[in-house]
């Protein structure tokens, strides 16, 4: 159990992160805060000191405590706006090289979007697995249903209902992780040789699965805060575009979340142009506020949105558990699953259902969101401190990756190669596009606590970038 002052500090952090407390706003005096919450002066002061240590407030002599102004990145170039043509993904070799480096043990883990083991409630998960295995009995040795364990689908449906999403268990299908769900959507909505529109910069794993299925990519440009709506609508209206693959919440790598109106519009365009939207919502539960942002699927009235999710970014990718709401393709998805996979790991499905049922998952998410916000903020400030003049860094609304734009003369691929030689992994911008337009960018993972070793690693990365800028 956290100490009382820590609980109070977490509540104030949420108010700061959500905007209820604005930068520069004065907090109540320590004496007033102690009376307001019926705690001692010592507890109230400990709460404020914790917020100060975490970088959320600052003390001003003879004045009190104030919400800190977050340091803004210097003005820099916007992401390039362009008119693209559909093409195959030609840089698979580069993507695979980055994946190989990022998977090496004892490397600074900035290259792959992954949570630190210390942020995963492993003991609770283990207890859920033991309880679930006992309940399964002899079912432990049988195939599970092709659609997925009914208990897990029921648990997920109730979990999503608390966030304002109306799914029945029959609407959902369990998959082998989020990428399996995305791959299923692509296979059901498109044919080999057809074109899929993506928002760029685009997570390299999505480009990889599109290429593996023999589809072409049409890149739709983004800006740092989201989409150019007309560009996306025009692409979805194009007869040659057979589907759109995108993330609307806590986008990887830019970290933005689309507005409710933008999501509603995309769902309407999907129906109007009969252009399926495959929604990768794998970071949807990693926002920094108390309320989970709704996916595009929440506005889908005719089933044209194929929604995909997973616990890979909130718990562990090792479970290989995800889900989809296939919409119009529900029956086809079932037939595909029965023919190729038969069933998903039943004990782990039952364990996740138990973990959700007993309330541990929602409790974990509340703690995780605070940790992620702090880690991303700490890494962002370190990047601004150590990287070359002219560098910019995104300000994510959720997730745990940062997109860094370096000076134009700094080659992100060269930085990746030099960093790998020193035991540091990063993702160069070139693997987030089918072109070279993001060669002066890199993506950093902030899924690990930002301790002294992480600070030293970012400092060294900054040195490498400065040397490559000369």
Protein backbone atom coordinates (compact mmCIF):
# COMPACT_ATOMS: atom_id res chain seq x y z
CA UNK A 1 0.00 0.00 0.00
CA UNK A 2 1.38 3.46 -0.87
CA UNK A 3 1.77 5.98 1.91
CA UNK A 4 -1.01 8.55 2.29
CA UNK A 5 1.17 11.39 1.01
CA UNK A 6 1.94 9.35 -2.13
CA UNK A 7 -1.77 8.75 -2.77
CA UNK A 8 -2.45 12.48 -2.44
CA UNK A 9 0.49 13.27 -4.72
CA UNK A 10 -0.80 10.88 -7.39
CA UNK A 11 -4.20 12.58 -7.30
CA UNK A 12 -2.60 15.99 -7.84
CA UNK A 13 -0.40 14.56 -10.64
CA UNK A 14 -3.56 13.45 -12.44
CA UNK A 15 -5.00 16.95 -12.09
CA UNK A 16 -1.81 18.43 -13.57
CA UNK A 17 -1.57 15.91 -16.42
CA UNK A 18 -5.24 16.32 -17.35
CA UNK A 19 -5.01 20.12 -17.37
CA UNK A 20 -7.28 20.73 -14.39
CA UNK A 21 -4.28 22.41 -12.78
CA UNK A 22 -2.54 24.68 -15.27
CA UNK A 23 1.18 25.57 -15.51
CA UNK A 24 1.91 28.53 -13.25
CA UNK A 25 -1.14 27.91 -11.06
CA UNK A 26 -0.52 28.20 -7.31
CA UNK A 27 -1.38 25.18 -5.18
CA UNK A 28 -3.25 25.67 -1.89
CA UNK A 29 -0.98 26.49 1.02
CA UNK A 30 0.34 23.52 2.96
CA UNK A 31 -1.85 24.47 5.92
CA UNK A 32 -4.98 24.84 3.76
CA UNK A 33 -4.23 21.55 1.96
CA UNK A 34 -3.84 19.72 5.28
CA UNK A 35 -7.21 21.03 6.52
CA UNK A 36 -8.89 20.31 3.17
CA UNK A 37 -7.80 16.66 3.19
CA UNK A 38 -7.81 16.21 6.98
CA UNK A 39 -4.16 15.21 7.15
CA UNK A 40 -1.23 16.45 9.20
CA UNK A 41 0.98 19.33 8.09
CA UNK A 42 3.83 16.83 7.74
CA UNK A 43 1.80 14.65 5.35
CA UNK A 44 0.74 17.67 3.30
CA UNK A 45 4.34 18.88 3.02
CA UNK A 46 5.54 15.37 2.07
CA UNK A 47 2.93 15.33 -0.70
CA UNK A 48 4.16 18.63 -2.14
CA UNK A 49 7.81 17.61 -1.81
CA UNK A 50 7.06 14.41 -3.73
CA UNK A 51 5.48 16.43 -6.54
CA UNK A 52 8.51 18.72 -6.53
CA UNK A 53 10.91 15.77 -6.71
CA UNK A 54 8.96 14.34 -9.65
CA UNK A 55 9.19 17.64 -11.51
CA UNK A 56 5.49 18.56 -11.42
CA UNK A 57 5.65 21.59 -9.09
CA UNK A 58 8.26 24.06 -7.92
CA UNK A 59 8.60 25.85 -4.60
CA UNK A 60 8.99 29.63 -4.63
CA UNK A 61 10.48 31.21 -1.49
CA UNK A 62 7.90 33.03 0.65
CA UNK A 63 5.25 32.29 -1.98
CA UNK A 64 4.31 28.60 -2.01
CA UNK A 65 4.18 25.77 -4.53
CA UNK A 66 3.32 26.28 -8.22
CA UNK A 67 2.64 23.94 -11.13
CA UNK A 68 5.77 23.89 -13.27
CA UNK A 69 5.79 25.15 -16.83
CA UNK A 70 6.87 22.20 -18.93
CA UNK A 71 9.88 23.09 -21.04
CA UNK A 72 8.81 23.37 -24.66
CA UNK A 73 10.94 22.13 -27.52
CA UNK A 74 12.38 24.85 -29.68
CA UNK A 75 10.52 25.68 -32.84
CA UNK A 76 11.52 23.28 -35.56
CA UNK A 77 10.49 22.08 -38.98
CA UNK A 78 7.12 20.44 -39.35
CA UNK A 79 6.87 16.93 -40.70
CA UNK A 80 7.05 16.94 -44.51
CA UNK A 81 3.80 17.25 -46.43
CA UNK A 82 3.88 15.26 -49.65
CA UNK A 83 1.85 13.45 -52.27
CA UNK A 84 2.77 9.79 -52.28
CA UNK A 85 2.26 6.90 -54.64
CA UNK A 86 1.44 3.32 -53.69
CA UNK A 87 4.51 1.11 -53.51
CA UNK A 88 5.84 -2.05 -51.90
CA UNK A 89 7.90 -1.83 -48.69
CA UNK A 90 11.50 -2.05 -49.90
CA UNK A 91 13.38 -1.51 -46.62
CA UNK A 92 12.47 -4.76 -44.86
CA UNK A 93 16.17 -5.52 -44.39
CA UNK A 94 16.65 -2.30 -42.41
CA UNK A 95 13.58 -3.02 -40.27
CA UNK A 96 14.88 -6.51 -39.47
CA UNK A 97 18.34 -5.15 -38.60
CA UNK A 98 16.82 -2.68 -36.13
CA UNK A 99 14.74 -5.47 -34.58
CA UNK A 100 17.82 -7.67 -34.21
CA UNK A 101 19.80 -4.94 -32.43
CA UNK A 102 16.86 -4.03 -30.18
CA UNK A 103 16.47 -7.64 -29.04
CA UNK A 104 20.05 -7.96 -27.80
CA UNK A 105 20.38 -8.51 -24.09
CA UNK A 106 22.15 -5.89 -21.94
CA UNK A 107 21.48 -3.13 -24.48
CA UNK A 108 19.96 0.16 -23.30
CA UNK A 109 16.32 -0.52 -24.27
CA UNK A 110 15.47 2.56 -26.33
CA UNK A 111 14.88 0.76 -29.63
CA UNK A 112 11.73 -1.29 -29.01
CA UNK A 113 8.53 -0.06 -27.33
CA UNK A 114 8.57 -2.31 -24.28
CA UNK A 115 7.69 -1.94 -20.60
CA UNK A 116 10.30 -2.50 -17.92
CA UNK A 117 9.72 -5.71 -15.92
CA UNK A 118 9.43 -3.56 -12.79
CA UNK A 119 6.23 -2.03 -14.20
CA UNK A 120 4.57 -5.42 -14.76
CA UNK A 121 2.62 -6.94 -11.80
CA UNK A 122 4.21 -10.36 -12.31
CA UNK A 123 3.23 -11.76 -8.90
CA UNK A 124 -0.43 -10.90 -9.47
CA UNK A 125 -0.33 -12.39 -12.96
CA UNK A 126 1.22 -15.57 -11.60
CA UNK A 127 -1.51 -15.90 -8.97
CA UNK A 128 -4.17 -15.41 -11.66
CA UNK A 129 -2.56 -18.16 -13.74
CA UNK A 130 -2.58 -20.59 -10.79
CA UNK A 131 -6.24 -19.86 -9.97
CA UNK A 132 -7.27 -20.12 -13.62
CA UNK A 133 -5.45 -23.42 -14.12
CA UNK A 134 -7.24 -24.91 -11.12
CA UNK A 135 -10.63 -23.79 -12.42
CA UNK A 136 -9.97 -25.16 -15.89
CA UNK A 137 -9.41 -28.68 -14.59
CA UNK A 138 -9.35 -31.14 -17.49
CA UNK A 139 -10.10 -28.31 -19.95
CA UNK A 140 -6.47 -27.34 -19.42
CA UNK A 141 -5.54 -30.11 -21.87
CA UNK A 142 -8.18 -29.42 -24.54
CA UNK A 143 -8.43 -27.09 -27.52
CA UNK A 144 -10.24 -23.86 -26.73
CA UNK A 145 -13.00 -22.27 -28.83
CA UNK A 146 -11.84 -20.74 -32.13
CA UNK A 147 -13.36 -17.39 -31.15
CA UNK A 148 -11.49 -17.42 -27.86
CA UNK A 149 -12.34 -18.33 -24.29
CA UNK A 150 -15.85 -17.15 -23.39
CA UNK A 151 -14.69 -16.09 -19.93
CA UNK A 152 -12.03 -13.78 -21.37
CA UNK A 153 -14.40 -12.29 -23.94
CA UNK A 154 -16.94 -11.61 -21.17
CA UNK A 155 -14.26 -10.04 -18.96
CA UNK A 156 -13.05 -7.82 -21.80
CA UNK A 157 -16.59 -6.76 -22.71
CA UNK A 158 -17.24 -5.66 -19.11
CA UNK A 159 -13.84 -3.96 -18.94
CA UNK A 160 -14.52 -1.98 -22.13
CA UNK A 161 -18.02 -1.07 -20.93
CA UNK A 162 -16.47 0.79 -17.98
CA UNK A 163 -14.64 2.92 -20.56
CA UNK A 164 -17.79 3.67 -22.56
CA UNK A 165 -17.49 1.01 -25.28
CA UNK A 166 -20.48 -1.23 -25.94
CA UNK A 167 -19.28 -4.69 -26.98
CA UNK A 168 -20.95 -8.03 -26.39
CA UNK A 169 -18.69 -11.06 -25.90
CA UNK A 170 -19.82 -12.30 -29.32
CA UNK A 171 -18.45 -9.11 -30.92
CA UNK A 172 -14.92 -10.03 -29.86
CA UNK A 173 -12.38 -12.59 -31.06
CA UNK A 174 -9.19 -13.48 -29.20
CA UNK A 175 -5.95 -13.39 -31.23
CA UNK A 176 -2.26 -14.21 -30.81
CA UNK A 177 -1.38 -10.62 -29.92
CA UNK A 178 -2.18 -7.32 -31.60
CA UNK A 179 -0.18 -7.94 -34.77
CA UNK A 180 -2.07 -11.20 -35.35
CA UNK A 181 -5.31 -9.20 -35.16
CA UNK A 182 -3.98 -6.60 -37.63
CA UNK A 183 -2.76 -9.33 -39.98
CA UNK A 184 -6.17 -11.00 -39.84
CA UNK A 185 -7.85 -7.71 -40.70
CA UNK A 186 -5.56 -7.12 -43.66
CA UNK A 187 -6.11 -10.64 -44.99
CA UNK A 188 -9.90 -10.38 -44.74
CA UNK A 189 -10.27 -6.81 -46.05
CA UNK A 190 -7.72 -6.83 -48.89
CA UNK A 191 -6.13 -9.09 -51.49
CA UNK A 192 -2.45 -9.50 -52.50
CA UNK A 193 -1.32 -6.65 -54.75
CA UNK A 194 -3.95 -4.23 -53.44
CA UNK A 195 -3.19 -0.91 -51.74
CA UNK A 196 -3.47 -0.11 -48.04
CA UNK A 197 -3.34 3.53 -46.87
CA UNK A 198 -1.29 4.23 -43.74
CA UNK A 199 -0.54 7.37 -41.73
CA UNK A 200 3.15 8.21 -41.85
CA UNK A 201 5.44 8.09 -39.97
CA UNK A 202 4.09 4.57 -39.43
CA UNK A 203 5.17 1.92 -36.92
CA UNK A 204 7.63 -0.32 -38.75
CA UNK A 205 5.90 -3.51 -37.63
CA UNK A 206 2.78 -2.50 -39.54
CA UNK A 207 4.81 -1.90 -42.70
CA UNK A 208 6.41 -5.28 -42.16
CA UNK A 209 3.11 -7.17 -41.96
CA UNK A 210 1.72 -5.33 -45.01
CA UNK A 211 4.77 -6.36 -47.03
CA UNK A 212 4.65 -9.95 -45.78
CA UNK A 213 1.09 -10.22 -47.13
CA UNK A 214 2.06 -8.83 -50.53
CA UNK A 215 0.11 -5.56 -50.30
CA UNK A 216 1.23 -2.09 -51.38
CA UNK A 217 1.43 0.98 -49.14
CA UNK A 218 0.07 4.47 -49.78
CA UNK A 219 1.49 6.92 -47.24
CA UNK A 220 -0.72 9.73 -45.91
CA UNK A 221 1.27 12.57 -44.27
CA UNK A 222 0.81 13.53 -40.64
CA UNK A 223 1.67 16.60 -38.62
CA UNK A 224 2.86 16.45 -35.02
CA UNK A 225 -0.66 16.71 -33.62
CA UNK A 226 -2.48 14.38 -35.99
CA UNK A 227 -4.00 14.10 -39.43
CA UNK A 228 -4.73 16.32 -42.38
CA UNK A 229 -8.41 15.31 -42.61
CA UNK A 230 -8.84 16.17 -46.30
CA UNK A 231 -5.80 14.08 -47.26
CA UNK A 232 -7.13 11.05 -45.40
CA UNK A 233 -10.68 11.44 -46.74
CA UNK A 234 -9.42 11.74 -50.31
CA UNK A 235 -7.34 8.58 -49.91
CA UNK A 236 -10.27 6.62 -48.48
CA UNK A 237 -12.43 7.77 -51.39
CA UNK A 238 -9.87 6.55 -53.93
CA UNK A 239 -11.13 3.28 -55.53
CA UNK A 240 -7.63 1.79 -55.60
CA UNK A 241 -7.30 2.11 -51.81
CA UNK A 242 -8.88 -1.06 -50.43
CA UNK A 243 -8.34 -0.39 -46.71
CA UNK A 244 -6.85 2.11 -44.27
CA UNK A 245 -4.61 0.93 -41.41
CA UNK A 246 -4.17 3.49 -38.64
CA UNK A 247 -3.96 4.27 -34.92
CA UNK A 248 -6.18 7.00 -33.49
CA UNK A 249 -5.08 6.82 -29.83
CA UNK A 250 -1.54 7.50 -28.57
CA UNK A 251 -0.10 7.04 -32.04
CA UNK A 252 3.20 5.22 -32.45
CA UNK A 253 5.57 7.03 -32.98
CA UNK A 254 4.10 10.56 -32.63
CA UNK A 255 1.98 10.07 -29.49
CA UNK A 256 -1.07 12.12 -30.53
CA UNK A 257 -4.72 11.15 -30.02
CA UNK A 258 -7.31 12.20 -32.58
CA UNK A 259 -10.31 14.23 -31.45
CA UNK A 260 -13.73 12.63 -31.03
CA UNK A 261 -14.95 14.51 -34.12
CA UNK A 262 -12.05 13.22 -36.21
CA UNK A 263 -12.76 9.65 -35.12
CA UNK A 264 -16.45 10.07 -35.88
CA UNK A 265 -15.59 11.45 -39.33
CA UNK A 266 -13.26 8.54 -40.12
CA UNK A 267 -15.95 6.02 -39.17
CA UNK A 268 -18.41 7.87 -41.42
CA UNK A 269 -15.95 7.96 -44.35
CA UNK A 270 -15.33 4.23 -43.98
CA UNK A 271 -19.05 3.57 -44.44
CA UNK A 272 -19.58 6.21 -47.14
CA UNK A 273 -16.69 5.00 -49.32
CA UNK A 274 -16.91 1.36 -48.20
CA UNK A 275 -13.24 1.56 -47.29
CA UNK A 276 -12.47 -0.70 -44.31
CA UNK A 277 -10.54 0.88 -41.44
CA UNK A 278 -8.23 -1.52 -39.60
CA UNK A 279 -7.73 0.27 -36.29
CA UNK A 280 -4.57 -0.64 -34.37
CA UNK A 281 -5.48 0.45 -30.83
CA UNK A 282 -2.65 -1.32 -29.04
CA UNK A 283 -1.60 1.85 -27.11
CA UNK A 284 -5.21 2.87 -26.43
CA UNK A 285 -5.01 2.13 -22.70
CA UNK A 286 -1.68 3.95 -22.24
CA UNK A 287 -3.00 7.52 -22.09
CA UNK A 288 -1.96 9.80 -19.24
CA UNK A 289 -5.44 10.87 -18.14
CA UNK A 290 -7.97 9.03 -16.00
CA UNK A 291 -10.34 8.33 -18.89
CA UNK A 292 -9.33 6.03 -21.73
CA UNK A 293 -9.91 7.71 -25.12
CA UNK A 294 -12.54 5.97 -27.23
CA UNK A 295 -11.40 4.27 -30.45
CA UNK A 296 -12.84 4.98 -33.90
CA UNK A 297 -14.77 1.73 -33.42
CA UNK A 298 -17.02 3.49 -30.89
CA UNK A 299 -18.58 5.47 -33.78
CA UNK A 300 -18.79 2.51 -36.18
CA UNK A 301 -22.48 1.96 -36.98
CA UNK A 302 -22.18 -0.33 -40.02
CA UNK A 303 -19.23 -2.57 -39.15
CA UNK A 304 -16.60 -1.04 -41.45
CA UNK A 305 -14.04 -0.66 -38.63
CA UNK A 306 -11.94 -3.74 -37.80
CA UNK A 307 -10.73 -2.90 -34.27
CA UNK A 308 -7.53 -4.50 -32.88
CA UNK A 309 -6.09 -4.43 -29.36
CA UNK A 310 -3.73 -6.29 -27.04
CA UNK A 311 -2.15 -6.42 -23.59
CA UNK A 312 1.34 -6.41 -25.13
CA UNK A 313 1.91 -2.73 -24.29
CA UNK A 314 0.11 -2.68 -20.93
CA UNK A 315 1.25 -6.00 -19.44
CA UNK A 316 3.59 -8.21 -21.43
CA UNK A 317 4.10 -9.25 -25.06
CA UNK A 318 5.10 -12.72 -23.82
CA UNK A 319 1.44 -13.69 -23.29
CA UNK A 320 0.72 -13.19 -27.02
CA UNK A 321 -2.87 -12.23 -26.25
CA UNK A 322 -4.84 -9.71 -28.25
CA UNK A 323 -8.32 -9.31 -29.62
CA UNK A 324 -10.30 -7.87 -32.47
CA UNK A 325 -13.85 -6.72 -33.10
CA UNK A 326 -14.14 -7.70 -36.78
CA UNK A 327 -17.42 -5.95 -37.56
CA UNK A 328 -18.66 -7.00 -41.00
CA UNK A 329 -15.96 -9.68 -41.17
CA UNK A 330 -16.95 -11.59 -38.01
CA UNK A 331 -18.03 -14.79 -39.76
CA UNK A 332 -15.08 -14.71 -42.15
CA UNK A 333 -12.72 -14.20 -39.20
CA UNK A 334 -14.15 -17.26 -37.44
CA UNK A 335 -13.75 -19.40 -40.55
CA UNK A 336 -10.17 -18.19 -41.00
CA UNK A 337 -9.34 -18.94 -37.36
CA UNK A 338 -10.84 -22.43 -37.48
CA UNK A 339 -8.92 -23.26 -40.65
CA UNK A 340 -5.48 -21.95 -39.68
CA UNK A 341 -5.07 -21.57 -35.91
CA UNK A 342 -7.85 -23.67 -34.31
CA UNK A 343 -7.45 -21.98 -30.91
CA UNK A 344 -5.35 -19.66 -28.75
CA UNK A 345 -3.41 -20.56 -25.56
CA UNK A 346 -6.28 -21.43 -23.19
CA UNK A 347 -4.49 -21.25 -19.79
CA UNK A 348 -3.19 -17.74 -20.50
CA UNK A 349 -6.62 -16.61 -21.72
CA UNK A 350 -8.16 -17.87 -18.48
CA UNK A 351 -5.41 -16.19 -16.45
CA UNK A 352 -6.02 -12.83 -18.13
CA UNK A 353 -9.77 -13.20 -17.55
CA UNK A 354 -9.10 -13.77 -13.84
CA UNK A 355 -6.72 -10.79 -13.71
CA UNK A 356 -9.42 -8.54 -15.20
CA UNK A 357 -12.28 -9.99 -13.11
CA UNK A 358 -10.53 -9.43 -9.78
CA UNK A 359 -9.89 -5.75 -10.56
CA UNK A 360 -6.12 -6.02 -10.76
CA UNK A 361 -5.91 -4.96 -14.41
CA UNK A 362 -7.72 -1.66 -13.90
CA UNK A 363 -5.70 -0.97 -10.76
CA UNK A 364 -2.51 -1.70 -12.70
CA UNK A 365 -3.53 0.66 -15.51
CA UNK A 366 -4.05 3.55 -13.07
CA UNK A 367 -0.54 3.13 -11.69
CA UNK A 368 1.00 2.49 -15.09
CA UNK A 369 -0.38 5.68 -16.64
CA UNK A 370 1.21 7.81 -13.94
CA UNK A 371 4.55 6.05 -14.31
CA UNK A 372 4.52 6.45 -18.08
CA UNK A 373 3.73 10.15 -17.89
CA UNK A 374 6.63 10.71 -15.51
CA UNK A 375 9.07 8.62 -17.55
CA UNK A 376 8.17 10.27 -20.85
CA UNK A 377 8.47 13.73 -19.32
CA UNK A 378 11.86 12.93 -17.77
CA UNK A 379 13.25 11.52 -21.01
CA UNK A 380 11.88 14.44 -23.01
CA UNK A 381 13.63 16.95 -20.75
CA UNK A 382 16.88 14.97 -21.01
CA UNK A 383 16.69 14.93 -24.81
CA UNK A 384 16.22 18.70 -24.89
CA UNK A 385 19.19 19.08 -22.54
CA UNK A 386 21.69 16.81 -24.29
CA UNK A 387 20.76 16.68 -27.98
CA UNK A 388 22.05 19.15 -30.61
CA UNK A 389 20.59 22.63 -30.95
CA UNK A 390 17.67 22.55 -33.35
CA UNK A 391 16.44 19.14 -32.21
CA UNK A 392 12.73 18.82 -31.46
CA UNK A 393 10.84 16.17 -29.52
CA UNK A 394 7.16 15.29 -29.51
CA UNK A 395 4.90 15.84 -26.49
CA UNK A 396 2.86 12.62 -26.43
CA UNK A 397 -0.65 12.42 -25.04
CA UNK A 398 -0.05 8.77 -24.22
CA UNK A 399 2.09 5.75 -24.92
CA UNK A 400 5.78 5.61 -24.13
CA UNK A 401 7.74 6.54 -27.22
CA UNK A 402 9.30 9.85 -28.21
CA UNK A 403 9.88 11.00 -31.80
CA UNK A 404 13.01 13.14 -32.04
CA UNK A 405 13.69 15.30 -35.10
CA UNK A 406 17.41 16.02 -35.40
CA UNK A 407 19.09 18.78 -37.42
CA UNK A 408 18.79 18.02 -41.16
CA UNK A 409 22.47 17.11 -41.54
CA UNK A 410 22.30 14.47 -38.77
CA UNK A 411 21.74 10.97 -40.21
CA UNK A 412 19.54 8.89 -37.88
CA UNK A 413 20.71 5.63 -39.46
CA UNK A 414 24.32 6.55 -38.76
CA UNK A 415 23.34 7.39 -35.16
CA UNK A 416 21.66 3.97 -34.90
CA UNK A 417 24.82 2.20 -36.11
CA UNK A 418 27.16 4.09 -33.79
CA UNK A 419 24.83 3.66 -30.82
CA UNK A 420 24.63 -0.11 -31.43
CA UNK A 421 28.43 -0.31 -31.24
CA UNK A 422 28.19 1.13 -27.72
CA UNK A 423 25.35 -1.08 -26.47
CA UNK A 424 22.56 1.45 -27.09
CA UNK A 425 19.51 0.58 -29.17
CA UNK A 426 17.30 3.16 -30.91
CA UNK A 427 14.90 3.11 -33.85
CA UNK A 428 16.05 5.29 -36.80
CA UNK A 429 13.38 7.25 -38.64
CA UNK A 430 14.00 5.47 -41.94
CA UNK A 431 12.14 2.35 -40.76
CA UNK A 432 8.92 4.32 -40.21
CA UNK A 433 8.37 5.01 -43.91
CA UNK A 434 8.82 3.40 -47.31
CA UNK A 435 10.93 6.44 -48.27
CA UNK A 436 13.97 8.23 -46.82
CA UNK A 437 12.05 11.32 -45.69
CA UNK A 438 12.58 10.70 -41.95
CA UNK A 439 16.30 9.95 -42.15
CA UNK A 440 17.08 12.78 -39.70
CA UNK A 441 14.67 11.40 -37.08
CA UNK A 442 14.85 8.72 -34.38
CA UNK A 443 12.34 7.12 -31.99
CA UNK A 444 13.14 6.41 -28.34
CA UNK A 445 11.40 4.03 -25.93
CA UNK A 446 10.50 5.54 -22.55
CA UNK A 447 8.94 2.39 -21.12
CA UNK A 448 11.64 2.01 -18.44
CA UNK A 449 12.11 4.07 -15.25
CA UNK A 450 14.33 7.04 -16.03
CA UNK A 451 17.14 6.35 -13.58
CA UNK A 452 20.79 7.39 -13.59
CA UNK A 453 21.76 4.75 -16.15
CA UNK A 454 19.01 5.91 -18.52
CA UNK A 455 20.14 9.51 -18.07
CA UNK A 456 23.73 8.54 -18.89
CA UNK A 457 22.56 6.64 -21.99
CA UNK A 458 20.55 9.63 -23.27
CA UNK A 459 23.52 11.88 -22.58
CA UNK A 460 25.75 9.62 -24.68
CA UNK A 461 23.17 9.49 -27.47
CA UNK A 462 23.16 13.26 -27.42
CA UNK A 463 26.94 13.30 -27.81
CA UNK A 464 26.72 10.96 -30.80
CA UNK A 465 24.05 13.14 -32.41
CA UNK A 466 26.10 16.29 -31.84
CA UNK A 467 29.14 14.64 -33.41
CA UNK A 468 27.07 13.55 -36.42
CA UNK A 469 25.71 17.10 -36.79
CA UNK A 470 29.15 18.70 -37.21
